[in-house]
N, C-alpha and C. Protein backbone atom coordinates (compact mmCIF):
# COMPACT_ATOMS: atom_id res chain seq x y z
N MET A 1 91.11 39.14 72.66
CA MET A 1 91.06 38.12 73.69
C MET A 1 90.24 36.90 73.23
N LEU A 2 89.08 37.19 72.61
CA LEU A 2 88.21 36.11 72.15
C LEU A 2 88.90 35.27 71.07
N SER A 3 89.61 35.95 70.19
CA SER A 3 90.30 35.22 69.12
C SER A 3 91.39 34.32 69.69
N LYS A 4 92.06 34.77 70.77
CA LYS A 4 93.10 33.96 71.41
C LYS A 4 92.49 32.72 72.06
N ILE A 5 91.31 32.91 72.68
CA ILE A 5 90.62 31.79 73.30
C ILE A 5 90.20 30.76 72.25
N GLN A 6 89.66 31.27 71.14
CA GLN A 6 89.22 30.37 70.06
C GLN A 6 90.40 29.61 69.46
N LYS A 7 91.53 30.31 69.31
CA LYS A 7 92.71 29.65 68.77
C LYS A 7 93.23 28.58 69.73
N ALA A 8 93.23 28.94 71.04
CA ALA A 8 93.70 27.96 72.04
C ALA A 8 92.79 26.74 72.06
N LEU A 9 91.48 26.98 71.94
CA LEU A 9 90.52 25.87 71.91
C LEU A 9 90.72 25.02 70.66
N GLY A 10 90.93 25.68 69.52
CA GLY A 10 91.17 24.95 68.28
C GLY A 10 92.43 24.11 68.35
N ASP A 11 93.47 24.67 68.95
CA ASP A 11 94.73 23.92 69.09
C ASP A 11 94.55 22.72 70.02
N TYR A 12 93.76 22.91 71.07
CA TYR A 12 93.51 21.82 72.03
C TYR A 12 92.74 20.68 71.36
N LEU A 13 91.71 21.03 70.61
CA LEU A 13 90.92 20.00 69.93
C LEU A 13 91.74 19.29 68.86
N GLU A 14 92.61 20.03 68.18
CA GLU A 14 93.47 19.41 67.18
C GLU A 14 94.42 18.42 67.84
N LYS A 15 94.92 18.77 69.01
CA LYS A 15 95.81 17.88 69.74
C LYS A 15 95.07 16.60 70.13
N GLN A 16 93.80 16.75 70.55
CA GLN A 16 93.00 15.59 70.90
C GLN A 16 92.77 14.70 69.69
N ARG A 17 92.54 15.29 68.55
CA ARG A 17 92.31 14.52 67.33
C ARG A 17 93.58 13.79 66.89
N GLN A 18 94.72 14.42 67.11
CA GLN A 18 95.98 13.77 66.76
C GLN A 18 96.25 12.56 67.65
N SER A 19 95.72 12.60 68.87
CA SER A 19 95.93 11.48 69.80
C SER A 19 94.99 10.31 69.50
N PHE A 20 93.86 10.59 68.82
CA PHE A 20 92.92 9.54 68.44
C PHE A 20 92.26 9.96 67.14
N ALA A 21 92.72 9.39 66.04
CA ALA A 21 92.35 9.88 64.71
C ALA A 21 90.85 9.86 64.43
N ARG A 22 90.11 8.97 65.09
CA ARG A 22 88.67 8.88 64.83
C ARG A 22 87.91 10.13 65.31
N PHE A 23 88.57 10.96 66.12
CA PHE A 23 87.96 12.22 66.54
C PHE A 23 87.79 13.17 65.36
N TYR A 24 88.51 12.93 64.27
CA TYR A 24 88.35 13.79 63.08
C TYR A 24 86.97 13.62 62.46
N PHE A 25 86.27 12.53 62.82
CA PHE A 25 84.95 12.29 62.25
C PHE A 25 83.84 13.03 63.00
N VAL A 26 84.14 13.65 64.12
CA VAL A 26 83.13 14.37 64.89
C VAL A 26 83.46 15.86 64.90
N GLY A 27 82.43 16.68 65.03
CA GLY A 27 82.61 18.13 65.06
C GLY A 27 83.14 18.61 66.40
N ASP A 28 83.48 19.88 66.45
CA ASP A 28 84.06 20.46 67.66
C ASP A 28 83.12 20.34 68.85
N GLU A 29 81.84 20.62 68.64
CA GLU A 29 80.87 20.57 69.74
C GLU A 29 80.74 19.15 70.29
N ASP A 30 80.67 18.18 69.38
CA ASP A 30 80.57 16.79 69.82
C ASP A 30 81.84 16.35 70.54
N LEU A 31 82.98 16.78 70.03
CA LEU A 31 84.24 16.39 70.65
C LEU A 31 84.37 16.96 72.05
N LEU A 32 83.92 18.19 72.24
CA LEU A 32 83.94 18.79 73.58
C LEU A 32 83.04 18.01 74.53
N GLU A 33 81.90 17.55 74.03
CA GLU A 33 81.00 16.75 74.86
C GLU A 33 81.65 15.42 75.23
N ILE A 34 82.33 14.81 74.26
CA ILE A 34 83.01 13.54 74.52
C ILE A 34 84.09 13.71 75.58
N ILE A 35 84.90 14.74 75.44
CA ILE A 35 85.98 14.99 76.39
C ILE A 35 85.43 15.30 77.77
N GLY A 36 84.35 16.08 77.81
CA GLY A 36 83.76 16.47 79.09
C GLY A 36 83.12 15.31 79.83
N ASN A 37 82.76 14.26 79.10
CA ASN A 37 82.13 13.08 79.72
C ASN A 37 83.00 11.85 79.55
N SER A 38 84.31 12.03 79.59
CA SER A 38 85.25 10.97 79.25
C SER A 38 85.12 9.72 80.13
N LYS A 39 84.61 9.87 81.35
CA LYS A 39 84.49 8.73 82.26
C LYS A 39 83.13 8.06 82.18
N ASP A 40 82.22 8.64 81.41
CA ASP A 40 80.86 8.12 81.32
C ASP A 40 80.65 7.48 79.95
N VAL A 41 80.81 6.17 79.87
CA VAL A 41 80.72 5.48 78.58
C VAL A 41 79.34 5.62 77.97
N ARG A 42 78.30 5.77 78.80
CA ARG A 42 76.94 5.89 78.27
C ARG A 42 76.77 7.15 77.45
N LEU A 43 77.44 8.23 77.85
CA LEU A 43 77.34 9.49 77.10
C LEU A 43 78.30 9.50 75.92
N VAL A 44 79.47 8.92 76.10
CA VAL A 44 80.45 8.90 75.02
C VAL A 44 79.98 8.03 73.86
N GLN A 45 79.36 6.88 74.16
CA GLN A 45 78.98 5.95 73.10
C GLN A 45 77.86 6.48 72.20
N ARG A 46 77.23 7.57 72.61
CA ARG A 46 76.25 8.21 71.73
C ARG A 46 76.89 8.65 70.41
N HIS A 47 78.18 8.90 70.46
CA HIS A 47 78.91 9.38 69.29
C HIS A 47 79.63 8.27 68.53
N PHE A 48 79.50 7.03 68.99
CA PHE A 48 80.20 5.92 68.36
C PHE A 48 79.87 5.75 66.87
N PRO A 49 78.58 5.86 66.46
CA PRO A 49 78.27 5.68 65.04
C PRO A 49 79.04 6.62 64.12
N LYS A 50 79.47 7.77 64.64
CA LYS A 50 80.24 8.70 63.82
C LYS A 50 81.71 8.29 63.75
N MET A 51 82.19 7.60 64.79
CA MET A 51 83.61 7.24 64.85
C MET A 51 83.88 5.81 64.40
N PHE A 52 82.91 4.92 64.62
CA PHE A 52 83.07 3.50 64.28
C PHE A 52 81.92 3.08 63.37
N ALA A 53 82.26 2.56 62.20
CA ALA A 53 81.22 2.18 61.25
C ALA A 53 80.37 1.01 61.75
N GLY A 54 80.97 0.12 62.57
CA GLY A 54 80.26 -1.08 62.97
C GLY A 54 79.88 -1.18 64.43
N ILE A 55 80.19 -0.15 65.22
CA ILE A 55 79.89 -0.20 66.66
C ILE A 55 78.86 0.86 67.02
N THR A 56 77.78 0.42 67.67
CA THR A 56 76.76 1.36 68.14
C THR A 56 76.89 1.59 69.64
N SER A 57 77.21 0.53 70.39
CA SER A 57 77.33 0.66 71.84
C SER A 57 78.25 -0.42 72.37
N LEU A 58 78.58 -0.30 73.66
CA LEU A 58 79.44 -1.26 74.32
C LEU A 58 78.70 -1.95 75.45
N LYS A 59 79.09 -3.17 75.75
CA LYS A 59 78.59 -3.85 76.94
C LYS A 59 79.46 -3.42 78.11
N PHE A 60 78.83 -2.90 79.15
CA PHE A 60 79.63 -2.43 80.28
C PHE A 60 79.01 -2.88 81.60
N GLU A 61 79.88 -3.03 82.60
CA GLU A 61 79.48 -3.41 83.95
C GLU A 61 80.21 -2.52 84.94
N LYS A 62 79.93 -2.73 86.23
CA LYS A 62 80.57 -1.97 87.30
C LYS A 62 80.43 -0.46 87.07
N GLU A 63 79.18 -0.06 86.83
CA GLU A 63 78.82 1.34 86.64
C GLU A 63 79.57 1.97 85.46
N GLY A 64 79.79 1.18 84.43
CA GLY A 64 80.40 1.70 83.22
C GLY A 64 81.91 1.66 83.20
N ASP A 65 82.52 1.09 84.23
CA ASP A 65 83.98 1.07 84.28
C ASP A 65 84.56 -0.11 83.49
N GLN A 66 83.86 -1.22 83.45
CA GLN A 66 84.37 -2.44 82.83
C GLN A 66 83.66 -2.68 81.50
N LEU A 67 84.43 -2.71 80.41
CA LEU A 67 83.89 -2.89 79.07
C LEU A 67 84.18 -4.31 78.60
N GLY A 68 83.13 -5.03 78.20
CA GLY A 68 83.31 -6.44 77.87
C GLY A 68 83.11 -6.81 76.42
N GLY A 69 82.48 -5.93 75.63
CA GLY A 69 82.24 -6.27 74.23
C GLY A 69 81.53 -5.15 73.51
N MET A 70 81.17 -5.40 72.27
CA MET A 70 80.56 -4.34 71.44
C MET A 70 79.32 -4.85 70.72
N PHE A 71 78.40 -3.93 70.49
CA PHE A 71 77.16 -4.22 69.77
C PHE A 71 77.14 -3.45 68.47
N SER A 72 76.63 -4.09 67.41
CA SER A 72 76.45 -3.41 66.13
C SER A 72 75.06 -2.80 66.08
N ARG A 73 74.81 -2.03 65.05
CA ARG A 73 73.49 -1.43 64.86
C ARG A 73 72.42 -2.50 64.68
N GLU A 74 72.82 -3.64 64.10
CA GLU A 74 71.86 -4.73 63.86
C GLU A 74 71.61 -5.57 65.12
N GLY A 75 72.36 -5.29 66.19
CA GLY A 75 72.17 -6.01 67.44
C GLY A 75 73.12 -7.16 67.65
N GLU A 76 74.06 -7.39 66.72
CA GLU A 76 75.05 -8.44 66.91
C GLU A 76 76.01 -8.04 68.02
N TYR A 77 76.41 -9.04 68.79
CA TYR A 77 77.33 -8.78 69.90
C TYR A 77 78.63 -9.55 69.69
N VAL A 78 79.75 -8.87 69.90
CA VAL A 78 81.07 -9.49 69.82
C VAL A 78 81.80 -9.21 71.13
N GLU A 79 82.22 -10.27 71.78
CA GLU A 79 82.90 -10.13 73.07
C GLU A 79 84.38 -9.83 72.86
N PHE A 80 84.90 -8.91 73.67
CA PHE A 80 86.33 -8.62 73.61
C PHE A 80 87.13 -9.79 74.15
N SER A 81 88.34 -9.97 73.63
CA SER A 81 89.22 -11.03 74.13
C SER A 81 89.65 -10.74 75.56
N LYS A 82 89.74 -9.46 75.90
CA LYS A 82 90.14 -9.05 77.24
C LYS A 82 89.33 -7.83 77.64
N GLU A 83 88.79 -7.85 78.86
CA GLU A 83 87.98 -6.73 79.33
C GLU A 83 88.82 -5.47 79.48
N ILE A 84 88.16 -4.33 79.27
CA ILE A 84 88.82 -3.03 79.38
C ILE A 84 88.31 -2.32 80.63
N LEU A 85 89.23 -1.82 81.45
CA LEU A 85 88.87 -1.05 82.64
C LEU A 85 89.19 0.42 82.39
N ILE A 86 88.17 1.24 82.34
CA ILE A 86 88.38 2.67 82.10
C ILE A 86 89.17 3.30 83.24
N SER A 87 88.95 2.81 84.45
CA SER A 87 89.60 3.38 85.62
C SER A 87 91.12 3.23 85.61
N GLU A 88 91.63 2.30 84.80
CA GLU A 88 93.09 2.15 84.70
C GLU A 88 93.72 3.42 84.13
N ASP A 89 93.03 4.07 83.23
CA ASP A 89 93.44 5.37 82.69
C ASP A 89 92.22 5.98 82.01
N PRO A 90 91.49 6.86 82.73
CA PRO A 90 90.25 7.41 82.19
C PRO A 90 90.42 8.47 81.11
N THR A 91 91.69 8.74 80.71
CA THR A 91 91.90 9.68 79.61
C THR A 91 91.15 9.17 78.38
N ILE A 92 90.35 10.02 77.77
CA ILE A 92 89.42 9.58 76.74
C ILE A 92 90.10 8.87 75.57
N HIS A 93 91.20 9.43 75.07
CA HIS A 93 91.82 8.81 73.90
C HIS A 93 92.52 7.49 74.26
N VAL A 94 92.86 7.32 75.54
CA VAL A 94 93.53 6.09 75.98
C VAL A 94 92.56 4.92 75.95
N TRP A 95 91.40 5.07 76.61
CA TRP A 95 90.50 3.92 76.66
C TRP A 95 89.78 3.70 75.33
N LEU A 96 89.60 4.77 74.53
CA LEU A 96 89.03 4.56 73.21
C LEU A 96 90.01 3.83 72.29
N THR A 97 91.29 4.09 72.46
CA THR A 97 92.31 3.37 71.70
C THR A 97 92.29 1.89 72.09
N LYS A 98 92.06 1.61 73.38
CA LYS A 98 91.95 0.23 73.83
C LYS A 98 90.74 -0.45 73.19
N VAL A 99 89.63 0.28 73.08
CA VAL A 99 88.43 -0.26 72.43
C VAL A 99 88.74 -0.58 70.97
N GLU A 100 89.39 0.35 70.29
CA GLU A 100 89.74 0.14 68.89
C GLU A 100 90.64 -1.07 68.72
N HIS A 101 91.64 -1.19 69.58
CA HIS A 101 92.57 -2.32 69.51
C HIS A 101 91.85 -3.64 69.82
N SER A 102 91.00 -3.64 70.83
CA SER A 102 90.24 -4.84 71.19
C SER A 102 89.32 -5.27 70.07
N MET A 103 88.72 -4.30 69.40
CA MET A 103 87.86 -4.59 68.25
C MET A 103 88.64 -5.34 67.18
N GLN A 104 89.83 -4.86 66.87
CA GLN A 104 90.65 -5.48 65.83
C GLN A 104 91.12 -6.87 66.24
N ILE A 105 91.56 -7.00 67.50
CA ILE A 105 92.09 -8.27 67.98
C ILE A 105 91.01 -9.36 68.02
N CYS A 106 89.86 -9.05 68.60
CA CYS A 106 88.83 -10.08 68.74
C CYS A 106 88.26 -10.49 67.39
N LEU A 107 88.14 -9.55 66.44
CA LEU A 107 87.65 -9.91 65.12
C LEU A 107 88.68 -10.76 64.36
N ALA A 108 89.96 -10.45 64.55
CA ALA A 108 91.01 -11.25 63.92
C ALA A 108 91.00 -12.68 64.45
N HIS A 109 90.82 -12.83 65.77
CA HIS A 109 90.76 -14.16 66.37
C HIS A 109 89.54 -14.93 65.86
N GLN A 110 88.41 -14.24 65.78
CA GLN A 110 87.20 -14.90 65.30
C GLN A 110 87.31 -15.29 63.83
N LEU A 111 87.98 -14.45 63.05
CA LEU A 111 88.17 -14.78 61.63
C LEU A 111 88.99 -16.05 61.48
N LEU A 112 90.08 -16.15 62.23
CA LEU A 112 90.92 -17.34 62.17
C LEU A 112 90.14 -18.58 62.60
N GLN A 113 89.36 -18.45 63.66
CA GLN A 113 88.55 -19.57 64.15
C GLN A 113 87.50 -19.97 63.12
N ALA A 114 86.85 -18.98 62.52
CA ALA A 114 85.80 -19.26 61.54
C ALA A 114 86.36 -19.97 60.31
N ILE A 115 87.53 -19.52 59.83
CA ILE A 115 88.14 -20.15 58.67
C ILE A 115 88.52 -21.59 58.97
N ASN A 116 89.12 -21.81 60.13
CA ASN A 116 89.53 -23.17 60.51
C ASN A 116 88.33 -24.10 60.65
N GLU A 117 87.24 -23.60 61.21
CA GLU A 117 86.05 -24.45 61.37
C GLU A 117 85.39 -24.72 60.03
N MET A 118 85.40 -23.72 59.15
CA MET A 118 84.76 -23.90 57.85
C MET A 118 85.49 -24.94 57.01
N LEU A 119 86.80 -25.05 57.17
CA LEU A 119 87.59 -26.04 56.42
C LEU A 119 87.17 -27.47 56.75
N LEU A 120 86.56 -27.65 57.91
CA LEU A 120 86.15 -28.99 58.34
C LEU A 120 84.74 -29.35 57.91
N ILE A 121 84.05 -28.40 57.27
CA ILE A 121 82.65 -28.61 56.90
C ILE A 121 82.54 -28.85 55.39
N HIS A 122 81.93 -29.95 55.02
CA HIS A 122 81.58 -30.22 53.62
C HIS A 122 80.13 -29.80 53.45
N VAL A 123 79.93 -28.65 52.82
CA VAL A 123 78.62 -27.99 52.82
C VAL A 123 77.52 -28.89 52.29
N GLU A 124 77.77 -29.58 51.19
CA GLU A 124 76.72 -30.39 50.57
C GLU A 124 76.25 -31.52 51.50
N ASP A 125 77.17 -32.07 52.28
CA ASP A 125 76.84 -33.21 53.16
C ASP A 125 76.56 -32.80 54.59
N GLN A 126 76.94 -31.61 54.96
CA GLN A 126 76.79 -31.15 56.35
C GLN A 126 76.07 -29.80 56.38
N GLN A 127 74.88 -29.78 55.83
CA GLN A 127 74.14 -28.53 55.71
C GLN A 127 73.79 -27.93 57.07
N GLU A 128 73.43 -28.78 58.02
CA GLU A 128 73.09 -28.27 59.35
C GLU A 128 74.31 -27.68 60.04
N ASP A 129 75.45 -28.33 59.88
CA ASP A 129 76.69 -27.81 60.48
C ASP A 129 77.06 -26.47 59.85
N PHE A 130 76.84 -26.36 58.54
CA PHE A 130 77.14 -25.10 57.85
C PHE A 130 76.22 -23.98 58.33
N SER A 131 74.95 -24.30 58.51
CA SER A 131 74.00 -23.30 59.01
C SER A 131 74.36 -22.85 60.42
N LYS A 132 74.76 -23.80 61.26
CA LYS A 132 75.17 -23.46 62.62
C LYS A 132 76.43 -22.60 62.60
N TRP A 133 77.32 -22.89 61.66
CA TRP A 133 78.54 -22.09 61.52
C TRP A 133 78.19 -20.65 61.16
N ILE A 134 77.26 -20.46 60.25
CA ILE A 134 76.84 -19.11 59.86
C ILE A 134 76.24 -18.37 61.05
N GLU A 135 75.42 -19.05 61.82
CA GLU A 135 74.74 -18.42 62.94
C GLU A 135 75.70 -18.13 64.10
N LYS A 136 76.79 -18.87 64.18
CA LYS A 136 77.72 -18.74 65.31
C LYS A 136 78.52 -17.45 65.27
N PHE A 137 78.91 -17.00 64.08
CA PHE A 137 79.82 -15.88 63.95
C PHE A 137 79.10 -14.62 63.45
N PRO A 138 79.67 -13.44 63.74
CA PRO A 138 79.09 -12.19 63.23
C PRO A 138 79.09 -12.17 61.70
N ALA A 139 78.19 -11.41 61.12
CA ALA A 139 78.04 -11.36 59.67
C ALA A 139 79.35 -10.98 58.98
N GLN A 140 80.06 -10.01 59.52
CA GLN A 140 81.32 -9.57 58.92
C GLN A 140 82.31 -10.73 58.83
N ILE A 141 82.39 -11.54 59.88
CA ILE A 141 83.32 -12.65 59.91
C ILE A 141 82.89 -13.75 58.95
N VAL A 142 81.60 -14.04 58.90
CA VAL A 142 81.08 -15.07 57.99
C VAL A 142 81.39 -14.70 56.54
N ILE A 143 81.07 -13.47 56.16
CA ILE A 143 81.28 -13.04 54.78
C ILE A 143 82.76 -13.01 54.43
N LEU A 144 83.58 -12.49 55.34
CA LEU A 144 85.02 -12.43 55.08
C LEU A 144 85.63 -13.83 54.99
N SER A 145 85.16 -14.74 55.83
CA SER A 145 85.66 -16.12 55.78
C SER A 145 85.34 -16.77 54.44
N MET A 146 84.12 -16.54 53.96
CA MET A 146 83.74 -17.09 52.66
C MET A 146 84.56 -16.47 51.54
N GLN A 147 84.88 -15.19 51.66
CA GLN A 147 85.70 -14.53 50.65
C GLN A 147 87.12 -15.09 50.65
N VAL A 148 87.66 -15.33 51.85
CA VAL A 148 89.00 -15.91 51.96
C VAL A 148 89.02 -17.30 51.34
N SER A 149 88.01 -18.09 51.66
CA SER A 149 87.92 -19.46 51.12
C SER A 149 87.83 -19.43 49.61
N TRP A 150 86.96 -18.58 49.07
CA TRP A 150 86.78 -18.48 47.61
C TRP A 150 88.07 -18.00 46.94
N SER A 151 88.73 -17.01 47.53
CA SER A 151 89.97 -16.48 46.95
C SER A 151 91.06 -17.54 46.92
N ASN A 152 91.16 -18.32 47.99
CA ASN A 152 92.17 -19.39 48.04
C ASN A 152 91.91 -20.43 46.96
N LYS A 153 90.64 -20.81 46.80
CA LYS A 153 90.30 -21.83 45.81
C LYS A 153 90.54 -21.33 44.39
N VAL A 154 90.20 -20.07 44.13
CA VAL A 154 90.43 -19.51 42.80
C VAL A 154 91.93 -19.43 42.51
N GLU A 155 92.70 -19.03 43.50
CA GLU A 155 94.16 -18.95 43.32
C GLU A 155 94.74 -20.33 43.02
N GLU A 156 94.26 -21.35 43.72
CA GLU A 156 94.72 -22.71 43.47
C GLU A 156 94.37 -23.15 42.05
N CYS A 157 93.19 -22.76 41.60
CA CYS A 157 92.76 -23.13 40.25
C CYS A 157 93.63 -22.47 39.18
N LEU A 158 93.95 -21.21 39.40
CA LEU A 158 94.76 -20.47 38.43
C LEU A 158 96.18 -21.02 38.34
N LYS A 159 96.65 -21.60 39.43
CA LYS A 159 97.99 -22.19 39.44
C LYS A 159 98.00 -23.59 38.83
N ALA A 160 96.82 -24.22 38.80
CA ALA A 160 96.73 -25.59 38.28
C ALA A 160 96.74 -25.60 36.76
N ALA A 161 97.09 -26.73 36.20
CA ALA A 161 97.15 -26.85 34.73
C ALA A 161 95.75 -26.75 34.11
N ALA A 162 94.78 -27.39 34.76
CA ALA A 162 93.40 -27.38 34.24
C ALA A 162 92.61 -26.28 34.92
N GLY A 163 93.06 -25.04 34.75
CA GLY A 163 92.46 -23.91 35.46
C GLY A 163 90.99 -23.72 35.19
N ALA A 164 90.59 -23.74 33.91
CA ALA A 164 89.19 -23.49 33.55
C ALA A 164 88.26 -24.53 34.15
N THR A 165 88.68 -25.79 34.09
CA THR A 165 87.87 -26.87 34.65
C THR A 165 87.72 -26.72 36.16
N SER A 166 88.80 -26.37 36.82
CA SER A 166 88.78 -26.20 38.27
C SER A 166 87.91 -25.01 38.67
N LEU A 167 87.99 -23.94 37.89
CA LEU A 167 87.16 -22.76 38.18
C LEU A 167 85.68 -23.10 38.07
N GLN A 168 85.34 -23.96 37.14
CA GLN A 168 83.95 -24.39 37.02
C GLN A 168 83.51 -25.14 38.27
N HIS A 169 84.42 -25.90 38.84
CA HIS A 169 84.13 -26.63 40.07
C HIS A 169 83.88 -25.65 41.22
N VAL A 170 84.69 -24.59 41.28
CA VAL A 170 84.50 -23.57 42.32
C VAL A 170 83.14 -22.89 42.14
N ASP A 171 82.79 -22.59 40.89
CA ASP A 171 81.51 -21.96 40.61
C ASP A 171 80.35 -22.87 41.00
N ASN A 172 80.49 -24.16 40.71
CA ASN A 172 79.43 -25.11 41.06
C ASN A 172 79.25 -25.20 42.58
N LYS A 173 80.36 -25.13 43.30
CA LYS A 173 80.29 -25.18 44.76
C LYS A 173 79.59 -23.93 45.31
N THR A 174 79.93 -22.77 44.73
CA THR A 174 79.27 -21.53 45.13
C THR A 174 77.77 -21.60 44.84
N LYS A 175 77.42 -22.17 43.71
CA LYS A 175 76.01 -22.33 43.34
C LYS A 175 75.28 -23.21 44.35
N SER A 176 75.93 -24.29 44.79
CA SER A 176 75.32 -25.20 45.77
C SER A 176 75.06 -24.47 47.09
N ILE A 177 76.02 -23.64 47.50
CA ILE A 177 75.85 -22.88 48.74
C ILE A 177 74.70 -21.89 48.59
N LEU A 178 74.61 -21.24 47.44
CA LEU A 178 73.53 -20.28 47.20
C LEU A 178 72.16 -20.97 47.25
N GLU A 179 72.07 -22.14 46.69
CA GLU A 179 70.80 -22.88 46.71
C GLU A 179 70.40 -23.23 48.15
N LEU A 180 71.39 -23.61 48.94
CA LEU A 180 71.13 -23.92 50.34
C LEU A 180 70.64 -22.67 51.09
N LEU A 181 71.33 -21.57 50.87
CA LEU A 181 70.97 -20.32 51.54
C LEU A 181 69.59 -19.83 51.10
N ALA A 182 69.30 -20.00 49.81
CA ALA A 182 67.99 -19.58 49.28
C ALA A 182 66.86 -20.36 49.93
N ASP A 183 67.09 -21.65 50.17
CA ASP A 183 66.08 -22.47 50.84
C ASP A 183 65.92 -22.04 52.30
N ARG A 184 67.03 -21.77 52.96
CA ARG A 184 66.99 -21.44 54.38
C ARG A 184 66.36 -20.06 54.62
N VAL A 185 66.60 -19.12 53.72
CA VAL A 185 66.10 -17.77 53.94
C VAL A 185 64.57 -17.71 53.84
N LEU A 186 63.98 -18.75 53.26
CA LEU A 186 62.52 -18.80 53.14
C LEU A 186 61.86 -19.40 54.38
N THR A 187 62.67 -19.90 55.30
CA THR A 187 62.13 -20.49 56.52
C THR A 187 61.95 -19.42 57.59
N ASP A 188 61.42 -19.81 58.72
CA ASP A 188 61.16 -18.87 59.82
C ASP A 188 62.47 -18.62 60.58
N LEU A 189 63.10 -17.49 60.32
CA LEU A 189 64.38 -17.14 60.93
C LEU A 189 64.26 -15.87 61.76
N GLU A 190 65.11 -15.74 62.76
CA GLU A 190 65.18 -14.49 63.50
C GLU A 190 65.72 -13.40 62.58
N LYS A 191 65.37 -12.16 62.89
CA LYS A 191 65.69 -11.04 61.99
C LYS A 191 67.18 -10.94 61.70
N ASP A 192 68.02 -11.03 62.75
CA ASP A 192 69.46 -10.86 62.54
C ASP A 192 70.05 -12.01 61.72
N ILE A 193 69.52 -13.22 61.92
CA ILE A 193 70.00 -14.37 61.15
C ILE A 193 69.58 -14.24 59.69
N ARG A 194 68.36 -13.79 59.47
CA ARG A 194 67.88 -13.59 58.09
C ARG A 194 68.74 -12.56 57.36
N GLN A 195 69.07 -11.46 58.06
CA GLN A 195 69.91 -10.43 57.44
C GLN A 195 71.28 -10.99 57.08
N LYS A 196 71.80 -11.85 57.94
CA LYS A 196 73.11 -12.46 57.68
C LYS A 196 73.05 -13.34 56.43
N TYR A 197 72.00 -14.13 56.30
CA TYR A 197 71.83 -14.98 55.12
C TYR A 197 71.72 -14.12 53.87
N GLU A 198 70.93 -13.05 53.94
CA GLU A 198 70.73 -12.19 52.77
C GLU A 198 72.04 -11.52 52.36
N GLN A 199 72.82 -11.06 53.34
CA GLN A 199 74.11 -10.44 53.03
C GLN A 199 75.05 -11.43 52.37
N LEU A 200 75.05 -12.65 52.88
CA LEU A 200 75.92 -13.68 52.33
C LEU A 200 75.50 -14.05 50.92
N ILE A 201 74.19 -14.13 50.68
CA ILE A 201 73.69 -14.42 49.33
C ILE A 201 74.15 -13.35 48.35
N THR A 202 74.03 -12.09 48.73
CA THR A 202 74.45 -10.98 47.87
C THR A 202 75.93 -11.09 47.52
N ASP A 203 76.74 -11.40 48.52
CA ASP A 203 78.18 -11.49 48.30
C ASP A 203 78.53 -12.67 47.40
N LEU A 204 77.88 -13.80 47.60
CA LEU A 204 78.16 -14.99 46.79
C LEU A 204 77.72 -14.80 45.34
N VAL A 205 76.65 -14.06 45.14
CA VAL A 205 76.21 -13.76 43.76
C VAL A 205 77.29 -12.96 43.04
N HIS A 206 77.88 -12.00 43.73
CA HIS A 206 78.98 -11.22 43.13
C HIS A 206 80.18 -12.11 42.84
N GLN A 207 80.45 -13.06 43.73
CA GLN A 207 81.56 -13.98 43.51
C GLN A 207 81.35 -14.79 42.23
N ARG A 208 80.12 -15.24 42.02
CA ARG A 208 79.84 -16.04 40.82
C ARG A 208 80.03 -15.19 39.56
N GLU A 209 79.68 -13.92 39.64
CA GLU A 209 79.85 -13.04 38.49
C GLU A 209 81.33 -12.88 38.14
N VAL A 210 82.15 -12.81 39.18
CA VAL A 210 83.61 -12.69 38.97
C VAL A 210 84.17 -13.97 38.39
N THR A 211 83.72 -15.12 38.95
CA THR A 211 84.22 -16.40 38.48
C THR A 211 83.84 -16.65 37.02
């Protein structure tokens, strides 16, 4: 009898994991706790660090029914493009799938916005605007935007006849940005902003090594 119960429980948990793949990152005991508290976001989000690399908690209102955005471990906040109501369907894998989808959608929108705004900034002449741009977006978006910009410029250089000369220009531009960031990181910055600058410096140093 006990073996039948254990098998039935194992089959049930496997079915839950198939409905939401991130459940494979948590153990059976944790998954049972998540399922048992499916309507209580405060208890479910305790397990977020195991399921989501970048989400620690959610912003919620109306006694946990309305989800408006997500917080990272570093304290950065990203607002969802559309609020999620758990009460629309409190099935655990349903509203967690909505969270996952909202995470992807809002970050994609922010990435597009960040890239478009960065194209309008001439870093050497608009240092304050560049600094405000860095502070405006989450670290992930800032770093990815810079990577997209660098990749596009390198690709353009490789297609051009004077590739080596153009690549040197890209490297010089990266160096100018690094010098700006190095100066700013020595000033009095809030902890999260300082971490963002340091992460960006590390990434740009790697870019220069590749170039």
